[in-house]
Each structure stands twice: as structure tokens, then as C-alpha cells.
N, C-alpha and C. Protein backbone atom coordinates (compact mmCIF):
# COMPACT_ATOMS: atom_id res chain seq x y z
N MET A 1 0.86 -1.23 0.04
CA MET A 1 -0.11 0.17 -0.04
C MET A 1 0.80 1.06 0.00
N PRO A 2 0.59 2.11 -0.91
CA PRO A 2 1.19 3.49 -0.68
C PRO A 2 1.23 4.33 0.75
N TYR A 3 2.20 5.01 0.71
CA TYR A 3 2.38 6.06 1.92
C TYR A 3 2.01 7.40 1.63
N THR A 4 1.93 8.32 2.80
CA THR A 4 1.92 9.71 2.45
C THR A 4 2.26 10.32 3.77
N TYR A 5 2.94 11.47 3.66
CA TYR A 5 3.52 12.25 4.89
C TYR A 5 2.57 13.22 5.21
N ASN A 6 1.94 13.50 6.42
CA ASN A 6 0.92 14.53 6.77
C ASN A 6 1.59 15.37 7.90
N CYS A 7 1.35 16.69 7.64
CA CYS A 7 1.78 17.57 8.64
C CYS A 7 0.52 18.50 9.05
N PRO A 8 -0.24 18.17 10.12
CA PRO A 8 -1.60 19.04 10.30
C PRO A 8 -1.08 20.49 10.80
N PRO A 9 -0.02 20.93 11.43
CA PRO A 9 0.17 22.27 11.49
C PRO A 9 0.24 23.31 10.38
N CYS A 10 0.83 22.70 9.28
CA CYS A 10 0.89 23.26 8.03
C CYS A 10 -0.24 23.01 7.19
N GLY A 11 -1.10 21.74 7.45
CA GLY A 11 -2.04 21.46 6.51
C GLY A 11 -1.58 20.66 5.01
N THR A 12 -0.09 20.28 5.32
CA THR A 12 0.40 19.73 4.15
C THR A 12 0.17 18.16 4.00
N ARG A 13 -0.13 17.51 2.86
CA ARG A 13 -0.05 16.13 2.82
C ARG A 13 0.36 15.86 1.39
N SER A 14 1.65 14.96 1.33
CA SER A 14 2.43 14.75 0.53
C SER A 14 1.74 13.86 -0.64
N ARG A 15 2.55 13.82 -1.78
CA ARG A 15 1.80 12.96 -2.71
C ARG A 15 2.19 11.45 -2.25
N SER A 16 1.45 10.49 -2.73
CA SER A 16 1.78 9.14 -2.34
C SER A 16 2.94 8.65 -2.89
N TYR A 17 3.54 7.66 -2.01
CA TYR A 17 4.96 7.00 -2.23
C TYR A 17 4.64 5.63 -1.92
N THR A 18 5.54 4.86 -2.86
CA THR A 18 5.20 3.43 -2.88
C THR A 18 5.80 2.69 -1.73
N PHE A 19 6.87 3.39 -1.09
CA PHE A 19 7.55 2.71 -0.08
C PHE A 19 7.59 3.74 1.18
N ARG A 20 7.43 3.33 2.32
CA ARG A 20 7.46 4.05 3.44
C ARG A 20 8.58 5.16 3.45
N SER A 21 9.95 4.68 3.15
CA SER A 21 11.16 5.67 3.09
C SER A 21 11.02 6.93 2.36
N GLY A 22 10.11 6.71 1.00
CA GLY A 22 9.83 7.84 0.41
C GLY A 22 8.96 9.00 1.16
N ALA A 23 8.13 8.60 1.73
CA ALA A 23 7.31 9.37 2.60
C ALA A 23 8.20 9.88 3.79
N GLU A 24 8.80 9.22 4.57
CA GLU A 24 9.84 9.73 5.46
C GLU A 24 10.85 10.71 4.78
N GLY A 25 11.27 10.61 3.71
CA GLY A 25 12.40 11.42 3.34
C GLY A 25 11.67 12.71 2.88
N HIS A 26 10.22 12.98 2.47
CA HIS A 26 9.42 13.85 2.07
C HIS A 26 9.39 14.59 3.22
N GLY A 27 9.10 13.80 4.76
CA GLY A 27 9.00 14.56 6.07
C GLY A 27 10.27 15.21 6.33
N VAL A 28 11.33 14.72 6.24
CA VAL A 28 12.48 15.20 6.58
C VAL A 28 12.94 16.37 5.88
N ARG A 29 12.37 16.53 4.53
CA ARG A 29 12.67 17.70 3.94
C ARG A 29 11.92 18.78 4.00
N HIS A 30 10.49 18.26 4.54
CA HIS A 30 9.60 19.20 4.76
C HIS A 30 9.97 20.04 6.28
N ARG A 31 10.45 19.00 7.23
CA ARG A 31 10.85 19.72 8.41
C ARG A 31 11.87 20.63 8.42
N ASN A 32 12.87 20.41 7.52
CA ASN A 32 14.00 21.22 7.43
C ASN A 32 13.66 22.47 6.65
N ARG A 33 12.85 22.31 5.79
CA ARG A 33 12.33 23.56 5.13
C ARG A 33 11.58 24.62 5.94
N ARG A 34 10.45 23.96 6.40
CA ARG A 34 9.28 24.70 6.96
C ARG A 34 9.42 24.79 8.63
N HIS A 35 10.12 23.92 9.34
CA HIS A 35 10.15 23.79 10.59
C HIS A 35 11.68 24.00 11.36
N ASP A 36 12.72 24.11 10.52
CA ASP A 36 14.02 24.27 10.82
C ASP A 36 14.43 23.27 11.59
N GLY A 37 13.86 22.01 11.00
CA GLY A 37 14.36 20.76 11.62
C GLY A 37 13.65 20.26 12.74
N ASP A 38 12.68 20.97 13.58
CA ASP A 38 11.99 20.52 14.58
C ASP A 38 10.71 19.70 14.08
N TYR A 39 10.20 18.79 14.92
CA TYR A 39 9.27 17.95 14.70
C TYR A 39 7.67 18.65 14.96
N PRO A 40 6.99 18.87 14.01
CA PRO A 40 5.67 19.68 14.15
C PRO A 40 4.67 18.36 14.91
N VAL A 41 3.86 19.08 16.04
CA VAL A 41 3.14 18.27 16.84
C VAL A 41 1.97 17.42 15.74
N GLY A 42 1.97 16.22 15.84
CA GLY A 42 0.98 15.46 14.97
C GLY A 42 1.34 15.10 13.51
N GLU A 43 2.66 15.33 13.17
CA GLU A 43 2.95 15.01 12.01
C GLU A 43 2.94 13.21 11.93
N SER A 44 2.48 12.58 10.85
CA SER A 44 2.62 11.35 10.75
C SER A 44 2.75 10.68 9.18
N ILE A 45 3.29 9.47 9.23
CA ILE A 45 3.20 8.80 7.96
C ILE A 45 1.94 7.76 7.91
N GLN A 46 1.10 7.93 6.81
CA GLN A 46 -0.19 6.97 6.82
C GLN A 46 0.03 6.20 5.60
N HIS A 47 -0.82 5.07 5.84
CA HIS A 47 -1.09 4.28 4.61
C HIS A 47 -2.28 5.00 4.02
N ILE A 48 -2.26 4.70 2.76
CA ILE A 48 -3.51 5.27 1.98
C ILE A 48 -3.89 4.10 1.05
N ALA A 49 -5.27 4.09 0.83
CA ALA A 49 -5.94 2.94 0.03
C ALA A 49 -5.90 3.21 -1.41
N ARG A 50 -5.30 2.12 -2.01
CA ARG A 50 -5.03 2.40 -3.49
C ARG A 50 -6.53 2.42 -4.07
N VAL A 51 -6.86 3.25 -4.88
CA VAL A 51 -8.09 3.48 -5.57
C VAL A 51 -8.13 3.04 -7.08
N SER A 52 -8.84 2.28 -7.58
CA SER A 52 -8.64 1.93 -9.03
C SER A 52 -9.07 3.12 -9.91
N PRO A 53 -8.73 3.09 -11.15
CA PRO A 53 -9.14 4.32 -12.10
C PRO A 53 -10.60 4.17 -12.26
N LEU A 54 -11.24 3.00 -12.24
CA LEU A 54 -12.52 3.01 -12.44
C LEU A 54 -13.35 3.41 -11.25
N THR A 55 -12.87 3.25 -9.91
CA THR A 55 -13.73 3.94 -8.98
C THR A 55 -13.49 5.20 -8.94
N ARG A 56 -12.27 5.90 -9.28
CA ARG A 56 -12.27 7.35 -9.39
C ARG A 56 -12.96 7.77 -10.56
N ALA A 57 -13.26 7.18 -11.59
CA ALA A 57 -14.00 7.70 -12.68
C ALA A 57 -15.42 7.96 -12.16
N VAL A 58 -16.16 6.93 -11.39
CA VAL A 58 -17.25 6.69 -11.16
C VAL A 58 -17.79 7.79 -10.17
N ALA A 59 -16.54 8.15 -8.96
CA ALA A 59 -16.89 9.13 -7.98
C ALA A 59 -16.75 10.61 -8.51
N TRP A 60 -16.11 10.93 -9.74
CA TRP A 60 -15.94 11.95 -10.39
C TRP A 60 -16.96 12.66 -10.76
N HIS A 61 -17.65 13.93 -10.18
CA HIS A 61 -18.73 14.80 -10.81
C HIS A 61 -18.28 15.95 -11.50
N PRO A 62 -18.80 16.36 -12.68
CA PRO A 62 -18.39 17.53 -13.49
C PRO A 62 -18.65 18.70 -12.60
N SER A 63 -17.66 19.73 -12.70
CA SER A 63 -18.44 20.94 -12.34
C SER A 63 -19.21 21.78 -13.27
N LYS A 64 -19.69 22.89 -12.80
CA LYS A 64 -20.61 23.63 -13.77
C LYS A 64 -19.51 24.00 -15.03
N GLY A 65 -18.20 24.51 -14.58
CA GLY A 65 -17.62 24.89 -15.78
C GLY A 65 -17.33 23.78 -16.75
N ASP A 66 -17.27 22.53 -16.35
CA ASP A 66 -16.91 21.26 -17.24
C ASP A 66 -18.34 21.21 -18.10
N VAL A 67 -19.25 21.22 -17.30
CA VAL A 67 -20.73 21.06 -18.27
C VAL A 67 -20.97 22.16 -19.27
N ILE A 68 -20.40 23.42 -18.97
CA ILE A 68 -20.61 24.48 -20.04
C ILE A 68 -19.62 24.25 -21.08
N ALA A 69 -18.32 23.93 -20.74
CA ALA A 69 -17.36 23.44 -21.86
C ALA A 69 -17.78 22.43 -22.60
N ALA A 70 -18.28 21.41 -22.06
CA ALA A 70 -18.60 20.24 -22.76
C ALA A 70 -19.95 20.58 -23.83
N ALA A 71 -21.03 21.41 -23.13
CA ALA A 71 -21.97 21.87 -24.30
C ALA A 71 -21.57 22.65 -25.50
N VAL A 72 -20.51 23.70 -25.16
CA VAL A 72 -20.21 24.64 -26.17
C VAL A 72 -19.48 23.57 -27.28
N ALA A 73 -18.44 22.76 -26.73
CA ALA A 73 -17.89 21.93 -27.77
C ALA A 73 -18.95 21.08 -28.57
N VAL A 74 -19.79 20.53 -27.88
CA VAL A 74 -20.97 19.77 -28.62
C VAL A 74 -21.78 20.71 -29.76
N LEU A 75 -22.03 21.67 -29.28
CA LEU A 75 -22.71 22.74 -30.10
C LEU A 75 -21.78 23.01 -31.28
N LEU A 76 -20.36 23.59 -31.06
CA LEU A 76 -19.49 23.77 -32.24
C LEU A 76 -19.50 22.63 -33.22
N VAL A 77 -19.22 21.44 -32.80
CA VAL A 77 -19.21 20.22 -33.43
C VAL A 77 -20.65 20.12 -34.52
N LEU A 78 -21.65 19.96 -33.69
CA LEU A 78 -22.98 20.14 -34.68
C LEU A 78 -22.90 21.09 -35.49
N TRP A 79 -22.65 22.19 -35.07
CA TRP A 79 -22.80 23.58 -36.31
C TRP A 79 -21.63 23.06 -37.49
N SER A 80 -20.61 22.67 -37.18
CA SER A 80 -19.77 22.44 -38.29
C SER A 80 -20.07 21.38 -39.23
N VAL A 81 -20.70 20.47 -38.48
CA VAL A 81 -21.43 19.35 -39.33
C VAL A 81 -22.42 20.01 -40.26
N TRP A 82 -23.26 20.51 -39.68
CA TRP A 82 -24.37 21.17 -40.11
C TRP A 82 -24.17 22.18 -41.22
N HIS A 83 -23.19 23.00 -40.93
CA HIS A 83 -22.64 23.78 -41.92
C HIS A 83 -21.97 23.06 -43.11
N ALA A 84 -21.22 22.10 -43.06
CA ALA A 84 -20.60 21.25 -43.79
C ALA A 84 -21.67 20.49 -44.76
N LEU A 85 -22.52 20.23 -44.43
CA LEU A 85 -23.67 19.52 -45.18
C LEU A 85 -24.44 20.49 -45.82
N THR A 86 -24.71 21.54 -45.57
CA THR A 86 -25.63 22.74 -46.07
C THR A 86 -24.95 23.57 -47.19
N ASN A 87 -23.66 23.32 -47.21
CA ASN A 87 -22.84 24.33 -48.17
C ASN A 87 -22.11 23.50 -49.23
């Protein structure tokens, strides 16, 4: 399972790492840069569950901007097909 580094005082969560050592290294770099080497209260390395691409696709909900962009794209395609057939 992948691992991630979490720093609650900063609200920082690292990208997922395949090995725990990757998340720990991220934590060391974060502590050195943001906390002058001190250990923030509550920092942790956590397991995160793998999510399949199919599960992510089903859970995705388009925003209003996505819907508008898709509608405009469909209208442009329909207009170009209609224009090509009538001229």
C-alpha cells in the first residue's frame, strides 16, 4: 500500500509514495524547510488505500464549468457538421 506524509500544523499532505522511506524522506525535507528541523506536533506517515481508476471515474462529478465547456464543444461540432452539409 502507498504511504503519505501528513503535517497537520501546515495542512500539508505529500503525494503518495510506494515505500514508507519515500514518505519519510519527504517529511525530513519538509521539516528542514518549514520547521527548521523541528518535529511538528501531529505529523505522521499514513497508509493510503489504492483506488482503482474505475472507482475514481465513477466518483468524479463534473463542475458547472466542465458542463458548460462540454456543451459549447458539442454545439460547435454540431454546427460545423450542419454547415458542411448545407454548403
